[in-house]
Amino acid sequence: MKFAFAPDSFKGSLTALSIVELLEIAAGRHFPGALCLSVPVADGGEGTVDALLRACGGAREVVRVTGPLGAPVDAAFGLIDGGEAAVLEMAAASGLPLVRPEERDPLKATSFGTGEMMLAALSHGVRRLLIGIGGSATNDGGMGMLSALGARFFDADGNILVGSGAELARVGRVDFEGLSPLLKDAEITVICDVTNPLLGPDGATAIYGPQKGVTAELYPILEGGMIHYAGKLRDALGRDASNFPGSGAAGGMGAALGGVLGARMRPGIDAVLDAVGFDALLDGCDLAVTGEGRIDRQSVEFGKVPTGVARRCSERNVPVVALVGGIGDGADAFYGIGETSIFPIVNRPMPLEQAMADARALFADAADRLFRTLKIGMRLRG
């Protein structure tokens, strides 16, 4: 028997690494000698570096950078493919987990540290960057990141601006001549499942701003600043950097990476599965197991991890089971992607808090039930 394990994390309770370990134990119990190929995956947020280092091998590097509110933080990135490529998480340098909820301030928050982390990776001789931009704490349009990479933003009096939500409206002139020469030959791929534009009612500030501290009072200030900033980018570039799908991702980081630096924007799960060579792992595979904390209609519509895995498996006639924390409305759309099924791990009525606290034991029990069921199915087939 050959199994492929490619789960996402269960946010707040189980890492993808923990999940594949539990699957390996259960599979080994019921199918001794089975080949288990484990590829813990992520979609660009927390866990992306760990997932790719686990799957591809490589080295973890830690660099001290400027955190979202200015205090120094230690951010880790991964060197893979023999040091030819690096995988980074914006969340590690400029993410919400680095800011206590009561301290979230979209006027002060900066993406400067993400630019410092990119520069550190490029300084290792890396020429391919894979950047996950989920979980950001910023709404600065990527201005801080660009500043760290050598771009210069001036106010009306010629003073240099470093980059923050409050400074968007103060930009008088933009100069990209000082961008690091290390960027010249760099190939940048952005892991991004967000298709929002930079501006407007579906833009960065309106849709994702509230989780970063944007209130009704702050919204017109930040949206007005973003409109002004987008105009200054257009003046400097000679083209619009704000009106493509994903430009509003991560508080406008999408506009800076894709619109200014020419990065390729890719759906998170596809970028990760390609990076780990997932398709090749499916050769001769009997079953793939994936999963996430909750599966529902959005999991399918937005192409989250189980959906991305199922689509790859469908092309190769490999059946897929999703082990999940919960099943929401519209989850049955998952059954339309090849030969698929869903196993919830919760085995009795319980509050969400208890399910999250007991997630490891619940998952281990569900994995055991899954492989027991598989053995019965094989006997019936025989």
Protein backbone atom coordinates (compact mmCIF):
# COMPACT_ATOMS: atom_id res chain seq x y z
CA MET A 1 0.00 0.00 0.00
CA LYS A 2 1.08 3.53 -0.75
CA PHE A 3 -0.46 6.53 1.00
CA ALA A 4 0.04 10.26 0.48
CA PHE A 5 -0.69 12.54 3.43
CA ALA A 6 -1.15 16.23 2.60
CA PRO A 7 -3.13 18.02 5.33
CA ASP A 8 -3.37 21.65 6.33
CA SER A 9 -3.12 22.59 9.99
CA PHE A 10 -6.16 22.79 12.24
CA LYS A 11 -5.79 26.42 13.23
CA GLY A 12 -5.29 26.85 16.95
CA SER A 13 -5.11 23.15 17.77
CA LEU A 14 -2.98 20.93 15.49
CA THR A 15 -0.07 21.68 13.20
CA ALA A 16 0.17 19.98 9.83
CA LEU A 17 3.33 18.25 11.09
CA SER A 18 1.45 16.78 14.06
CA ILE A 19 -1.31 15.57 11.77
CA VAL A 20 0.97 13.66 9.39
CA GLU A 21 2.67 12.01 12.36
CA LEU A 22 -0.70 10.78 13.64
CA LEU A 23 -1.64 9.52 10.17
CA GLU A 24 1.66 7.65 9.86
CA ILE A 25 1.09 5.93 13.21
CA ALA A 26 -2.46 4.87 12.32
CA ALA A 27 -1.50 3.68 8.84
CA GLY A 28 1.42 1.67 10.22
CA ARG A 29 -0.82 0.01 12.79
CA HIS A 30 -3.25 -1.35 10.20
CA PHE A 31 -0.99 -1.62 7.15
CA PRO A 32 2.48 -2.63 8.36
CA GLY A 33 5.10 -1.90 5.74
CA ALA A 34 2.94 0.60 3.87
CA LEU A 35 4.78 3.43 2.15
CA CYS A 36 3.64 6.74 3.66
CA LEU A 37 4.62 9.91 1.83
CA SER A 38 3.90 12.83 4.10
CA VAL A 39 3.64 16.36 2.77
CA PRO A 40 2.26 18.72 5.42
CA VAL A 41 1.08 21.72 3.47
CA ALA A 42 -0.09 25.26 4.04
CA ASP A 43 -1.65 27.99 1.97
CA GLY A 44 0.70 30.89 2.60
CA GLY A 45 0.06 31.70 6.24
CA GLU A 46 1.70 30.35 9.37
CA GLY A 47 3.23 26.93 8.85
CA THR A 48 4.24 27.41 5.22
CA VAL A 49 7.97 27.45 5.97
CA ASP A 50 7.73 24.39 8.23
CA ALA A 51 5.67 22.51 5.64
CA LEU A 52 8.10 23.11 2.80
CA LEU A 53 11.19 22.40 4.88
CA ARG A 54 9.61 19.11 5.99
CA ALA A 55 8.73 18.17 2.43
CA CYS A 56 11.77 19.46 0.55
CA GLY A 57 14.52 19.43 3.14
CA GLY A 58 16.71 22.46 3.57
CA ALA A 59 17.91 24.82 6.25
CA ARG A 60 16.12 27.24 8.54
CA GLU A 61 17.58 30.72 8.81
CA VAL A 62 16.65 33.26 11.46
CA VAL A 63 17.09 36.98 10.93
CA ARG A 64 16.28 39.88 13.25
CA VAL A 65 13.94 42.32 11.51
CA THR A 66 11.61 45.19 12.28
CA GLY A 67 8.31 43.92 13.66
CA PRO A 68 4.93 45.29 12.62
CA LEU A 69 4.94 47.96 15.33
CA GLY A 70 8.65 48.74 15.13
CA ALA A 71 10.08 46.48 17.84
CA PRO A 72 12.68 43.93 16.64
CA VAL A 73 11.51 40.36 16.08
CA ASP A 74 13.28 37.16 15.01
CA ALA A 75 11.82 35.88 11.76
CA ALA A 76 12.61 32.48 10.26
CA PHE A 77 12.69 31.58 6.58
CA GLY A 78 13.70 28.39 4.82
CA LEU A 79 16.41 27.73 2.25
CA ILE A 80 15.39 24.90 -0.10
CA ASP A 81 16.51 23.38 -3.40
CA GLY A 82 20.14 23.46 -2.35
CA GLY A 83 19.95 27.14 -1.43
CA GLU A 84 18.62 28.15 -4.85
CA ALA A 85 15.23 29.07 -3.42
CA ALA A 86 13.82 30.45 -0.20
CA VAL A 87 10.36 30.22 1.34
CA LEU A 88 9.17 33.08 3.55
CA GLU A 89 6.07 33.93 5.56
CA MET A 90 5.01 37.54 5.87
CA ALA A 91 3.38 36.53 9.16
CA ALA A 92 6.82 35.82 10.63
CA ALA A 93 7.96 39.41 10.22
CA SER A 94 4.82 41.52 9.89
CA GLY A 95 2.03 39.28 11.12
CA LEU A 96 -0.95 39.51 13.43
CA PRO A 97 0.49 36.86 15.80
CA LEU A 98 3.24 39.37 16.65
CA VAL A 99 0.75 41.95 17.92
CA ARG A 100 -1.53 41.62 20.92
CA PRO A 101 -5.17 42.23 19.94
CA GLU A 102 -5.42 45.36 22.08
CA GLU A 103 -2.31 46.80 20.40
CA ARG A 104 -3.35 46.42 16.77
CA ASP A 105 -2.85 49.74 15.04
CA PRO A 106 -3.17 49.91 11.24
CA LEU A 107 -1.90 53.50 11.25
CA LYS A 108 1.44 52.46 12.75
CA ALA A 109 1.84 48.91 11.42
CA THR A 110 4.55 48.47 8.78
CA SER A 111 5.64 45.73 6.40
CA PHE A 112 9.27 46.91 6.63
CA GLY A 113 10.38 43.69 8.33
CA THR A 114 9.11 41.58 5.45
CA GLY A 115 11.33 43.54 3.10
CA GLU A 116 14.28 43.03 5.44
CA MET A 117 13.59 39.29 5.47
CA MET A 118 13.43 39.22 1.66
CA LEU A 119 16.72 41.07 1.46
CA ALA A 120 18.33 38.64 3.92
CA ALA A 121 17.22 35.68 1.79
CA LEU A 122 18.52 37.28 -1.40
CA SER A 123 21.83 37.98 0.33
CA HIS A 124 22.29 34.20 0.70
CA GLY A 125 22.48 33.96 -3.08
CA VAL A 126 18.86 32.90 -3.44
CA ARG A 127 17.27 33.80 -6.74
CA ARG A 128 13.81 32.33 -6.28
CA LEU A 129 11.57 33.59 -3.50
CA LEU A 130 8.31 31.90 -2.51
CA ILE A 131 6.45 34.27 -0.20
CA GLY A 132 3.30 33.47 1.73
CA ILE A 133 1.48 36.68 2.61
CA GLY A 134 -1.31 35.37 4.84
CA GLY A 135 -1.84 36.68 8.35
CA SER A 136 -0.48 40.19 7.94
CA ALA A 137 -0.96 42.89 10.56
CA THR A 138 -0.40 45.72 8.10
CA ASN A 139 -2.41 48.03 5.87
CA ASP A 140 0.47 50.02 4.38
CA GLY A 141 0.20 48.94 0.73
CA GLY A 142 3.58 47.22 0.98
CA MET A 143 5.21 50.62 1.34
CA GLY A 144 7.34 49.47 4.27
CA MET A 145 8.51 46.37 2.41
CA LEU A 146 9.50 48.41 -0.63
CA SER A 147 11.35 50.89 1.60
CA ALA A 148 13.39 48.09 3.16
CA LEU A 149 14.34 46.94 -0.34
CA GLY A 150 15.65 50.37 -1.29
CA ALA A 151 12.66 52.28 -2.67
CA ARG A 152 12.33 55.83 -1.38
CA PHE A 153 9.12 57.60 -0.53
CA PHE A 154 9.22 61.36 0.03
CA ASP A 155 6.65 63.66 1.56
CA ALA A 156 5.86 67.11 0.19
CA ASP A 157 8.83 68.61 2.07
CA GLY A 158 11.31 66.02 0.80
CA ASN A 159 11.43 64.01 4.02
CA ILE A 160 11.81 60.25 3.63
CA LEU A 161 8.89 58.11 4.76
CA VAL A 162 9.57 54.59 6.00
CA GLY A 163 6.10 53.14 5.43
CA SER A 164 2.96 52.78 7.52
CA GLY A 165 -0.78 53.22 7.16
CA ALA A 166 -0.58 56.77 8.45
CA GLU A 167 2.08 57.72 5.87
CA LEU A 168 0.13 56.60 2.80
CA ALA A 169 -1.59 59.96 2.49
CA ARG A 170 1.71 61.84 2.91
CA VAL A 171 3.53 60.38 -0.10
CA GLY A 172 4.56 63.16 -2.45
CA ARG A 173 7.03 61.37 -4.68
CA VAL A 174 8.27 57.80 -5.19
CA ASP A 175 11.75 56.79 -6.36
CA PHE A 176 12.45 53.17 -7.31
CA GLU A 177 15.98 53.77 -8.59
CA GLY A 178 17.51 52.61 -5.31
CA LEU A 179 15.84 49.17 -5.25
CA SER A 180 18.37 46.49 -4.36
CA PRO A 181 20.21 45.09 -7.40
CA LEU A 182 19.63 41.64 -5.88
CA LEU A 183 16.05 41.95 -7.09
CA LYS A 184 17.08 42.26 -10.72
CA ASP A 185 17.35 38.54 -11.43
CA ALA A 186 15.06 37.36 -8.65
CA GLU A 187 11.99 35.29 -9.47
CA ILE A 188 9.30 36.04 -6.91
CA THR A 189 6.21 33.90 -6.46
CA VAL A 190 3.51 35.04 -4.06
CA ILE A 191 1.29 32.49 -2.34
CA CYS A 192 -2.05 34.27 -2.30
CA ASP A 193 -5.63 33.00 -2.25
CA VAL A 194 -7.11 36.50 -2.05
CA THR A 195 -8.44 38.05 -5.26
CA ASN A 196 -9.50 41.42 -3.85
CA PRO A 197 -8.39 44.64 -5.56
CA LEU A 198 -6.46 47.23 -3.62
CA LEU A 199 -9.20 49.85 -3.43
CA GLY A 200 -12.93 50.20 -2.97
CA PRO A 201 -15.63 48.30 -1.10
CA ASP A 202 -13.96 44.97 -1.89
CA GLY A 203 -10.46 46.30 -1.32
CA ALA A 204 -7.77 45.71 1.26
CA THR A 205 -8.93 48.24 3.84
CA ALA A 206 -12.64 47.49 3.61
CA ILE A 207 -12.51 43.70 3.69
CA TYR A 208 -9.44 42.80 5.73
CA GLY A 209 -8.84 46.01 7.65
CA PRO A 210 -11.21 45.30 10.56
CA GLN A 211 -9.19 42.28 11.73
CA LYS A 212 -6.15 44.55 11.86
CA GLY A 213 -7.83 47.27 13.88
CA VAL A 214 -9.50 49.39 11.19
CA THR A 215 -12.56 50.99 12.76
CA ALA A 216 -15.36 52.95 11.14
CA GLU A 217 -13.53 56.13 12.12
CA LEU A 218 -10.20 54.98 10.68
CA TYR A 219 -11.59 53.55 7.45
CA PRO A 220 -11.91 56.82 5.49
CA ILE A 221 -8.43 57.89 6.62
CA LEU A 222 -6.78 54.66 5.51
CA GLU A 223 -8.83 54.22 2.34
CA GLY A 224 -8.15 57.82 1.35
CA GLY A 225 -4.46 57.28 2.02
CA MET A 226 -4.44 54.09 -0.06
CA ILE A 227 -6.12 55.87 -2.99
CA HIS A 228 -3.49 58.61 -2.79
CA TYR A 229 -0.66 56.07 -2.52
CA ALA A 230 -1.95 54.09 -5.51
CA GLY A 231 -1.90 57.29 -7.55
CA LYS A 232 1.71 57.99 -6.62
CA LEU A 233 2.71 54.44 -7.55
CA ARG A 234 1.01 54.96 -10.91
CA ASP A 235 2.91 58.21 -11.45
CA ALA A 236 6.24 56.51 -10.68
CA LEU A 237 5.60 53.34 -12.68
CA GLY A 238 3.63 54.73 -15.58
CA ARG A 239 1.00 52.04 -15.06
CA ASP A 240 -1.65 51.00 -12.55
CA ALA A 241 -0.42 48.67 -9.79
CA SER A 242 -3.72 48.47 -7.94
CA ASN A 243 -6.31 46.87 -10.19
CA PHE A 244 -5.42 43.21 -10.61
CA PRO A 245 -6.76 40.21 -8.66
CA GLY A 246 -4.85 39.94 -5.40
CA SER A 247 -3.52 43.50 -5.31
CA GLY A 248 -5.47 44.01 -2.09
CA ALA A 249 -4.00 40.97 -0.36
CA ALA A 250 -2.18 41.49 2.94
CA GLY A 251 -3.10 45.14 3.30
CA GLY A 252 -1.91 45.95 -0.22
CA MET A 253 1.24 43.83 -0.14
CA GLY A 254 -0.11 42.19 -3.28
CA ALA A 255 0.04 45.50 -5.11
CA ALA A 256 3.64 46.09 -4.05
CA LEU A 257 4.85 42.58 -4.88
CA GLY A 258 2.84 41.94 -8.01
CA GLY A 259 2.32 45.46 -9.32
CA VAL A 260 5.72 46.96 -8.49
CA LEU A 261 8.17 44.04 -8.28
CA GLY A 262 6.49 41.92 -10.95
CA ALA A 263 5.94 38.92 -8.71
CA ARG A 264 3.77 36.06 -9.91
CA MET A 265 0.60 35.65 -7.87
CA ARG A 266 -0.43 32.02 -7.38
CA PRO A 267 -3.14 30.26 -5.37
CA GLY A 268 -1.55 29.05 -2.16
CA ILE A 269 -2.13 25.33 -2.34
CA ASP A 270 -1.04 25.06 -5.99
CA ALA A 271 2.20 26.91 -5.33
CA VAL A 272 3.02 24.69 -2.36
CA LEU A 273 2.08 21.42 -4.08
CA ASP A 274 4.25 22.35 -7.05
CA ALA A 275 7.14 23.26 -4.77
CA VAL A 276 7.08 19.85 -3.06
CA GLY A 277 6.60 17.88 -6.29
CA PHE A 278 3.26 16.50 -5.12
CA ASP A 279 2.12 15.20 -8.52
CA ALA A 280 5.09 12.85 -8.77
CA LEU A 281 4.32 11.47 -5.30
CA LEU A 282 0.93 10.30 -6.51
CA ASP A 283 2.37 7.70 -8.91
CA GLY A 284 1.09 4.33 -7.75
CA CYS A 285 -0.69 5.86 -4.77
CA ASP A 286 -3.67 3.96 -3.29
CA LEU A 287 -5.12 6.75 -1.16
CA ALA A 288 -4.45 10.39 -0.30
CA VAL A 289 -5.50 11.88 3.03
CA THR A 290 -5.88 15.61 3.46
CA GLY A 291 -7.84 17.84 5.85
CA GLU A 292 -8.42 21.16 7.56
CA GLY A 293 -10.14 22.50 10.64
CA ARG A 294 -13.50 23.05 8.91
CA ILE A 295 -14.68 22.14 5.44
CA ASP A 296 -17.57 23.97 3.82
CA ARG A 297 -18.63 25.61 0.57
CA GLN A 298 -15.81 28.16 0.78
CA SER A 299 -13.24 25.37 1.00
CA VAL A 300 -14.25 24.37 -2.52
CA GLU A 301 -15.01 27.79 -3.98
CA PHE A 302 -11.75 29.32 -2.75
CA GLY A 303 -9.60 26.28 -3.50
CA LYS A 304 -8.36 25.63 0.02
CA VAL A 305 -5.95 22.81 0.86
CA PRO A 306 -8.35 19.81 0.68
CA THR A 307 -9.76 21.06 -2.62
CA GLY A 308 -6.35 21.63 -4.15
CA VAL A 309 -5.19 18.18 -3.08
CA ALA A 310 -8.39 16.54 -4.36
CA ARG A 311 -8.10 18.20 -7.76
CA ARG A 312 -4.54 16.94 -8.23
CA CYS A 313 -5.58 13.45 -7.13
CA SER A 314 -8.63 13.42 -9.38
CA GLU A 315 -6.42 13.93 -12.41
CA ARG A 316 -4.55 10.75 -11.45
CA ASN A 317 -7.51 8.65 -10.27
CA VAL A 318 -6.31 8.61 -6.66
CA PRO A 319 -9.14 8.57 -4.07
CA VAL A 320 -9.05 11.21 -1.34
CA VAL A 321 -10.34 11.34 2.22
CA ALA A 322 -10.50 14.63 4.12
CA LEU A 323 -10.21 14.34 7.90
CA VAL A 324 -11.71 17.54 9.28
CA GLY A 325 -12.61 19.20 12.54
CA GLY A 326 -16.09 20.11 11.36
CA ILE A 327 -18.38 20.05 8.34
CA GLY A 328 -20.20 23.21 7.31
CA ASP A 329 -22.88 24.11 4.79
CA GLY A 330 -21.98 23.31 1.21
CA ALA A 331 -19.25 20.81 2.09
CA ASP A 332 -20.93 18.28 -0.18
CA ALA A 333 -19.48 20.21 -3.14
CA PHE A 334 -16.21 18.48 -2.21
CA TYR A 335 -17.71 15.19 -3.38
CA GLY A 336 -17.81 16.53 -6.91
CA ILE A 337 -14.01 16.49 -7.13
CA GLY A 338 -13.09 12.97 -8.12
CA GLU A 339 -13.51 10.07 -5.70
CA THR A 340 -13.67 11.75 -2.31
CA SER A 341 -15.06 11.40 1.19
CA ILE A 342 -15.05 13.37 4.44
CA PHE A 343 -14.41 12.05 7.98
CA PRO A 344 -15.10 14.46 10.86
CA ILE A 345 -12.82 13.82 13.82
CA VAL A 346 -15.37 14.81 16.49
CA ASN A 347 -16.89 11.55 17.79
CA ARG A 348 -19.57 12.89 20.15
CA PRO A 349 -21.39 16.15 20.91
CA MET A 350 -19.01 18.66 22.51
CA PRO A 351 -18.32 22.42 22.64
CA LEU A 352 -15.86 23.83 20.14
CA GLU A 353 -13.43 24.69 22.94
CA GLN A 354 -13.32 21.07 24.09
CA ALA A 355 -12.89 19.81 20.53
CA MET A 356 -9.91 22.10 20.05
CA ALA A 357 -8.39 21.17 23.40
CA ASP A 358 -8.78 17.44 22.67
CA ALA A 359 -7.89 17.72 18.97
CA ARG A 360 -4.88 15.43 19.11
CA ALA A 361 -6.74 12.53 20.74
CA LEU A 362 -9.77 13.05 18.50
CA PHE A 363 -7.64 13.07 15.38
CA ALA A 364 -5.75 9.95 16.41
CA ASP A 365 -9.05 8.14 16.97
CA ALA A 366 -10.46 9.32 13.62
CA ALA A 367 -7.30 8.26 11.77
CA ASP A 368 -7.55 4.83 13.37
CA ARG A 369 -11.21 4.53 12.30
CA LEU A 370 -10.31 5.60 8.77
CA PHE A 371 -7.71 2.88 8.27
CA ARG A 372 -9.92 0.27 9.94
CA THR A 373 -12.63 1.17 7.43
CA LEU A 374 -10.15 0.95 4.59
CA LYS A 375 -9.20 -2.60 5.64
CA ILE A 376 -12.87 -3.61 5.66
CA GLY A 377 -13.33 -2.07 2.22
CA MET A 378 -10.42 -4.08 0.88
CA ARG A 379 -11.97 -7.31 2.19
CA LEU A 380 -15.28 -6.48 0.54
CA ARG A 381 -13.55 -5.73 -2.73
CA GLY A 382 -11.67 -9.02 -2.50
